[in-house]
Amino acid sequence: MRVADVMTRNVVLTRADATIQEAAARMAELDAGILPVSDQDRLIGMVTDRDIAVRGVAKGKGPDCTVGEVMTPEVKYVFEDDDIGDVARNMAEIKVQRLPVMNRDKRLVGIVSLGDIAVQADTRDTDTAVSGIKEPGGPHAQTEPV
């Protein structure tokens, strides 16, 4: 099974200069926990509800703090034609529940989540992803790397 078979296609973007309040409101409206961050047609980061809470609010930043201040700038992504089993192993290794999906022209075409894999893929793929994600660490960890 390929990523394109399970991913969510309608992706809403935000900008680095948007406030975390705007991003949080957009997430609430969409019932989503993540927004890709773009600069014109380039993907420059990802912001999660956890980023807003841990890198923003927990550090005393207010609602006018920008997405660029709390986002994860190192974007890990997968291609829409990647094998879902390989993606599940990658999610486990890098400890993330969602990854942006790019086409071979490196244009954003969707997001694949652990939930997408759980609902539509083989249970072994889900088990693989969950077993790694549950371990501490990853780009959205609460503590800064030492």
C-alpha atoms as a PDB file:
ATOM      1  CA  MET A   1       0.000   0.000   0.000  1.00  0.00           C
ATOM      2  CA  ARG A   2       1.234   3.481  -0.872  1.00  0.00           C
ATOM      3  CA  VAL A   3       0.981   6.710   1.134  1.00  0.00           C
ATOM      4  CA  ALA A   4      -1.372   8.192  -1.489  1.00  0.00           C
ATOM      5  CA  ASP A   5      -3.870   5.442  -0.622  1.00  0.00           C
ATOM      6  CA  VAL A   6      -4.246   6.542   3.029  1.00  0.00           C
ATOM      7  CA  MET A   7      -3.199  10.198   3.311  1.00  0.00           C
ATOM      8  CA  THR A   8      -5.404  13.210   3.950  1.00  0.00           C
ATOM      9  CA  ARG A   9      -5.369  15.367   0.846  1.00  0.00           C
ATOM     10  CA  ASN A  10      -7.009  18.664   1.811  1.00  0.00           C
ATOM     11  CA  VAL A  11      -4.235  20.383   3.724  1.00  0.00           C
ATOM     12  CA  VAL A  12      -4.566  23.859   5.202  1.00  0.00           C
ATOM     13  CA  LEU A  13      -1.362  25.885   5.517  1.00  0.00           C
ATOM     14  CA  THR A  14      -0.264  28.698   7.787  1.00  0.00           C
ATOM     15  CA  ARG A  15       2.500  31.300   7.528  1.00  0.00           C
ATOM     16  CA  ALA A  16       5.464  31.851   9.838  1.00  0.00           C
ATOM     17  CA  ASP A  17       4.259  35.396  10.548  1.00  0.00           C
ATOM     18  CA  ALA A  18       0.798  34.229  11.679  1.00  0.00           C
ATOM     19  CA  THR A  19       0.230  34.370  15.429  1.00  0.00           C
ATOM     20  CA  ILE A  20      -0.008  31.222  17.504  1.00  0.00           C
ATOM     21  CA  GLN A  21      -3.529  32.319  18.431  1.00  0.00           C
ATOM     22  CA  GLU A  22      -4.486  32.349  14.726  1.00  0.00           C
ATOM     23  CA  ALA A  23      -2.852  28.955  14.213  1.00  0.00           C
ATOM     24  CA  ALA A  24      -4.580  27.468  17.270  1.00  0.00           C
ATOM     25  CA  ALA A  25      -7.950  28.842  16.147  1.00  0.00           C
ATOM     26  CA  ARG A  26      -7.410  27.349  12.693  1.00  0.00           C
ATOM     27  CA  MET A  27      -6.490  23.974  14.230  1.00  0.00           C
ATOM     28  CA  ALA A  28      -9.638  24.085  16.379  1.00  0.00           C
ATOM     29  CA  GLU A  29     -11.759  24.927  13.339  1.00  0.00           C
ATOM     30  CA  LEU A  30     -10.245  22.026  11.384  1.00  0.00           C
ATOM     31  CA  ASP A  31     -10.105  19.628  14.354  1.00  0.00           C
ATOM     32  CA  ALA A  32      -6.422  19.139  13.503  1.00  0.00           C
ATOM     33  CA  GLY A  33      -3.286  19.102  15.626  1.00  0.00           C
ATOM     34  CA  ILE A  34      -0.834  20.235  12.984  1.00  0.00           C
ATOM     35  CA  LEU A  35      -0.434  22.851  10.270  1.00  0.00           C
ATOM     36  CA  PRO A  36       2.287  22.960   7.638  1.00  0.00           C
ATOM     37  CA  VAL A  37       4.036  26.345   7.523  1.00  0.00           C
ATOM     38  CA  SER A  38       4.695  27.825   4.110  1.00  0.00           C
ATOM     39  CA  ASP A  39       6.535  30.743   2.612  1.00  0.00           C
ATOM     40  CA  GLN A  40       4.881  31.329  -0.738  1.00  0.00           C
ATOM     41  CA  ASP A  41       5.092  27.895  -2.368  1.00  0.00           C
ATOM     42  CA  ARG A  42       7.803  26.451  -0.085  1.00  0.00           C
ATOM     43  CA  LEU A  43       7.209  24.275   2.964  1.00  0.00           C
ATOM     44  CA  ILE A  44       9.405  25.780   5.699  1.00  0.00           C
ATOM     45  CA  GLY A  45       8.162  24.073   8.847  1.00  0.00           C
ATOM     46  CA  MET A  46       5.402  22.376  10.766  1.00  0.00           C
ATOM     47  CA  VAL A  47       3.565  23.693  13.810  1.00  0.00           C
ATOM     48  CA  THR A  48       1.631  21.440  16.162  1.00  0.00           C
ATOM     49  CA  ASP A  49      -0.694  22.100  19.041  1.00  0.00           C
ATOM     50  CA  ARG A  50       2.112  20.712  21.208  1.00  0.00           C
ATOM     51  CA  ASP A  51       4.593  23.250  19.773  1.00  0.00           C
ATOM     52  CA  ILE A  52       2.194  26.042  20.713  1.00  0.00           C
ATOM     53  CA  ALA A  53       1.767  24.665  24.242  1.00  0.00           C
ATOM     54  CA  VAL A  54       5.375  23.659  24.985  1.00  0.00           C
ATOM     55  CA  ARG A  55       7.461  26.125  22.983  1.00  0.00           C
ATOM     56  CA  GLY A  56       5.005  28.988  23.310  1.00  0.00           C
ATOM     57  CA  VAL A  57       2.680  29.108  26.297  1.00  0.00           C
ATOM     58  CA  ALA A  58       4.917  27.105  28.679  1.00  0.00           C
ATOM     59  CA  LYS A  59       7.755  29.544  27.998  1.00  0.00           C
ATOM     60  CA  GLY A  60       5.569  32.562  28.694  1.00  0.00           C
ATOM     61  CA  LYS A  61       4.930  33.572  25.104  1.00  0.00           C
ATOM     62  CA  GLY A  62       1.597  35.243  24.498  1.00  0.00           C
ATOM     63  CA  PRO A  63      -1.014  34.764  21.800  1.00  0.00           C
ATOM     64  CA  ASP A  64       0.723  37.289  19.539  1.00  0.00           C
ATOM     65  CA  CYS A  65       3.892  35.167  19.382  1.00  0.00           C
ATOM     66  CA  THR A  66       4.479  34.114  15.778  1.00  0.00           C
ATOM     67  CA  VAL A  67       4.259  30.597  14.420  1.00  0.00           C
ATOM     68  CA  GLY A  68       7.857  31.028  13.256  1.00  0.00           C
ATOM     69  CA  GLU A  69       8.982  31.289  16.890  1.00  0.00           C
ATOM     70  CA  VAL A  70       7.525  27.922  17.914  1.00  0.00           C
ATOM     71  CA  MET A  71       7.389  25.806  14.740  1.00  0.00           C
ATOM     72  CA  THR A  72       9.635  22.879  13.949  1.00  0.00           C
ATOM     73  CA  PRO A  73      11.762  24.094  11.035  1.00  0.00           C
ATOM     74  CA  GLU A  74      13.347  20.751  10.152  1.00  0.00           C
ATOM     75  CA  VAL A  75      10.664  19.302   7.920  1.00  0.00           C
ATOM     76  CA  LYS A  76      10.688  15.538   7.567  1.00  0.00           C
ATOM     77  CA  TYR A  77       8.422  14.379   4.767  1.00  0.00           C
ATOM     78  CA  VAL A  78       7.472  11.379   2.685  1.00  0.00           C
ATOM     79  CA  PHE A  79       6.553  10.971  -0.948  1.00  0.00           C
ATOM     80  CA  GLU A  80       3.059  10.018  -2.033  1.00  0.00           C
ATOM     81  CA  ASP A  81       4.381   6.865  -3.750  1.00  0.00           C
ATOM     82  CA  ASP A  82       6.321   5.617  -0.685  1.00  0.00           C
ATOM     83  CA  ASP A  83       5.356   2.278   0.843  1.00  0.00           C
ATOM     84  CA  ILE A  84       3.211   2.725   3.964  1.00  0.00           C
ATOM     85  CA  GLY A  85       5.224   0.108   5.879  1.00  0.00           C
ATOM     86  CA  ASP A  86       8.409   2.080   5.265  1.00  0.00           C
ATOM     87  CA  VAL A  87       6.646   5.269   6.368  1.00  0.00           C
ATOM     88  CA  ALA A  88       5.411   3.617   9.583  1.00  0.00           C
ATOM     89  CA  ARG A  89       8.974   2.543  10.409  1.00  0.00           C
ATOM     90  CA  ASN A  90      10.196   6.083   9.650  1.00  0.00           C
ATOM     91  CA  MET A  91       7.531   7.596  11.933  1.00  0.00           C
ATOM     92  CA  ALA A  92       8.636   5.239  14.712  1.00  0.00           C
ATOM     93  CA  GLU A  93      12.297   6.126  14.219  1.00  0.00           C
ATOM     94  CA  ILE A  94      11.823   9.898  14.231  1.00  0.00           C
ATOM     95  CA  LYS A  95       8.962   9.765  16.776  1.00  0.00           C
ATOM     96  CA  VAL A  96       6.273  11.717  14.957  1.00  0.00           C
ATOM     97  CA  GLN A  97       2.584  10.988  14.451  1.00  0.00           C
ATOM     98  CA  ARG A  98       2.160  12.970  11.239  1.00  0.00           C
ATOM     99  CA  LEU A  99       4.268  13.697   8.174  1.00  0.00           C
ATOM    100  CA  PRO A 100       3.701  15.986   5.207  1.00  0.00           C
ATOM    101  CA  VAL A 101       3.370  14.177   1.892  1.00  0.00           C
ATOM    102  CA  MET A 102       5.107  15.538  -1.197  1.00  0.00           C
ATOM    103  CA  ASN A 103       4.894  14.617  -4.839  1.00  0.00           C
ATOM    104  CA  ARG A 104       8.116  14.013  -6.755  1.00  0.00           C
ATOM    105  CA  ASP A 105       8.175  17.716  -7.725  1.00  0.00           C
ATOM    106  CA  LYS A 106       8.402  18.394  -3.966  1.00  0.00           C
ATOM    107  CA  ARG A 107       4.997  20.034  -3.784  1.00  0.00           C
ATOM    108  CA  LEU A 108       2.823  19.385  -0.734  1.00  0.00           C
ATOM    109  CA  VAL A 109      -0.067  17.076  -1.646  1.00  0.00           C
ATOM    110  CA  GLY A 110      -1.241  15.834   1.754  1.00  0.00           C
ATOM    111  CA  ILE A 111      -0.479  14.714   5.285  1.00  0.00           C
ATOM    112  CA  VAL A 112      -0.259  11.141   6.520  1.00  0.00           C
ATOM    113  CA  SER A 113      -0.984  10.459  10.163  1.00  0.00           C
ATOM    114  CA  LEU A 114      -0.797   7.529  12.503  1.00  0.00           C
ATOM    115  CA  GLY A 115      -4.603   7.628  12.462  1.00  0.00           C
ATOM    116  CA  ASP A 116      -4.646   7.299   8.653  1.00  0.00           C
ATOM    117  CA  ILE A 117      -2.383   4.268   8.909  1.00  0.00           C
ATOM    118  CA  ALA A 118      -4.411   2.742  11.758  1.00  0.00           C
ATOM    119  CA  VAL A 119      -7.700   3.045   9.883  1.00  0.00           C
ATOM    120  CA  GLN A 120      -6.582   2.024   6.408  1.00  0.00           C
ATOM    121  CA  ALA A 121      -3.350   0.030   6.529  1.00  0.00           C
ATOM    122  CA  ASP A 122      -2.141  -3.278   7.914  1.00  0.00           C
ATOM    123  CA  THR A 123      -2.177  -3.471  11.726  1.00  0.00           C
ATOM    124  CA  ARG A 124       1.507  -4.422  11.694  1.00  0.00           C
ATOM    125  CA  ASP A 125       2.297  -1.012  10.186  1.00  0.00           C
ATOM    126  CA  THR A 126       0.323   0.691  12.950  1.00  0.00           C
ATOM    127  CA  ASP A 127       2.051  -1.404  15.617  1.00  0.00           C
ATOM    128  CA  THR A 128       5.446  -0.489  14.161  1.00  0.00           C
ATOM    129  CA  ALA A 129       4.734   3.235  14.225  1.00  0.00           C
ATOM    130  CA  VAL A 130       3.173   3.238  17.702  1.00  0.00           C
ATOM    131  CA  SER A 131       6.007   1.247  19.255  1.00  0.00           C
ATOM    132  CA  GLY A 132       8.553   3.911  18.283  1.00  0.00           C
ATOM    133  CA  ILE A 133       6.396   6.990  18.744  1.00  0.00           C
ATOM    134  CA  LYS A 134       5.570   6.110  22.347  1.00  0.00           C
ATOM    135  CA  GLU A 135       9.254   6.325  23.309  1.00  0.00           C
ATOM    136  CA  PRO A 136      10.404   9.722  24.653  1.00  0.00           C
ATOM    137  CA  GLY A 137      12.071  12.179  22.306  1.00  0.00           C
ATOM    138  CA  GLY A 138      11.448  13.467  18.830  1.00  0.00           C
ATOM    139  CA  PRO A 139      11.125  16.975  17.405  1.00  0.00           C
ATOM    140  CA  HIS A 140       8.162  17.933  19.608  1.00  0.00           C
ATOM    141  CA  ALA A 141       9.611  16.726  22.923  1.00  0.00           C
ATOM    142  CA  GLN A 142       9.060  18.924  25.968  1.00  0.00           C
ATOM    143  CA  THR A 143      12.719  19.179  26.812  1.00  0.00           C
ATOM    144  CA  GLU A 144      15.386  20.813  24.705  1.00  0.00           C
ATOM    145  CA  PRO A 145      18.203  18.558  23.426  1.00  0.00           C
ATOM    146  CA  VAL A 146      21.280  18.633  25.627  1.00  0.00           C
END
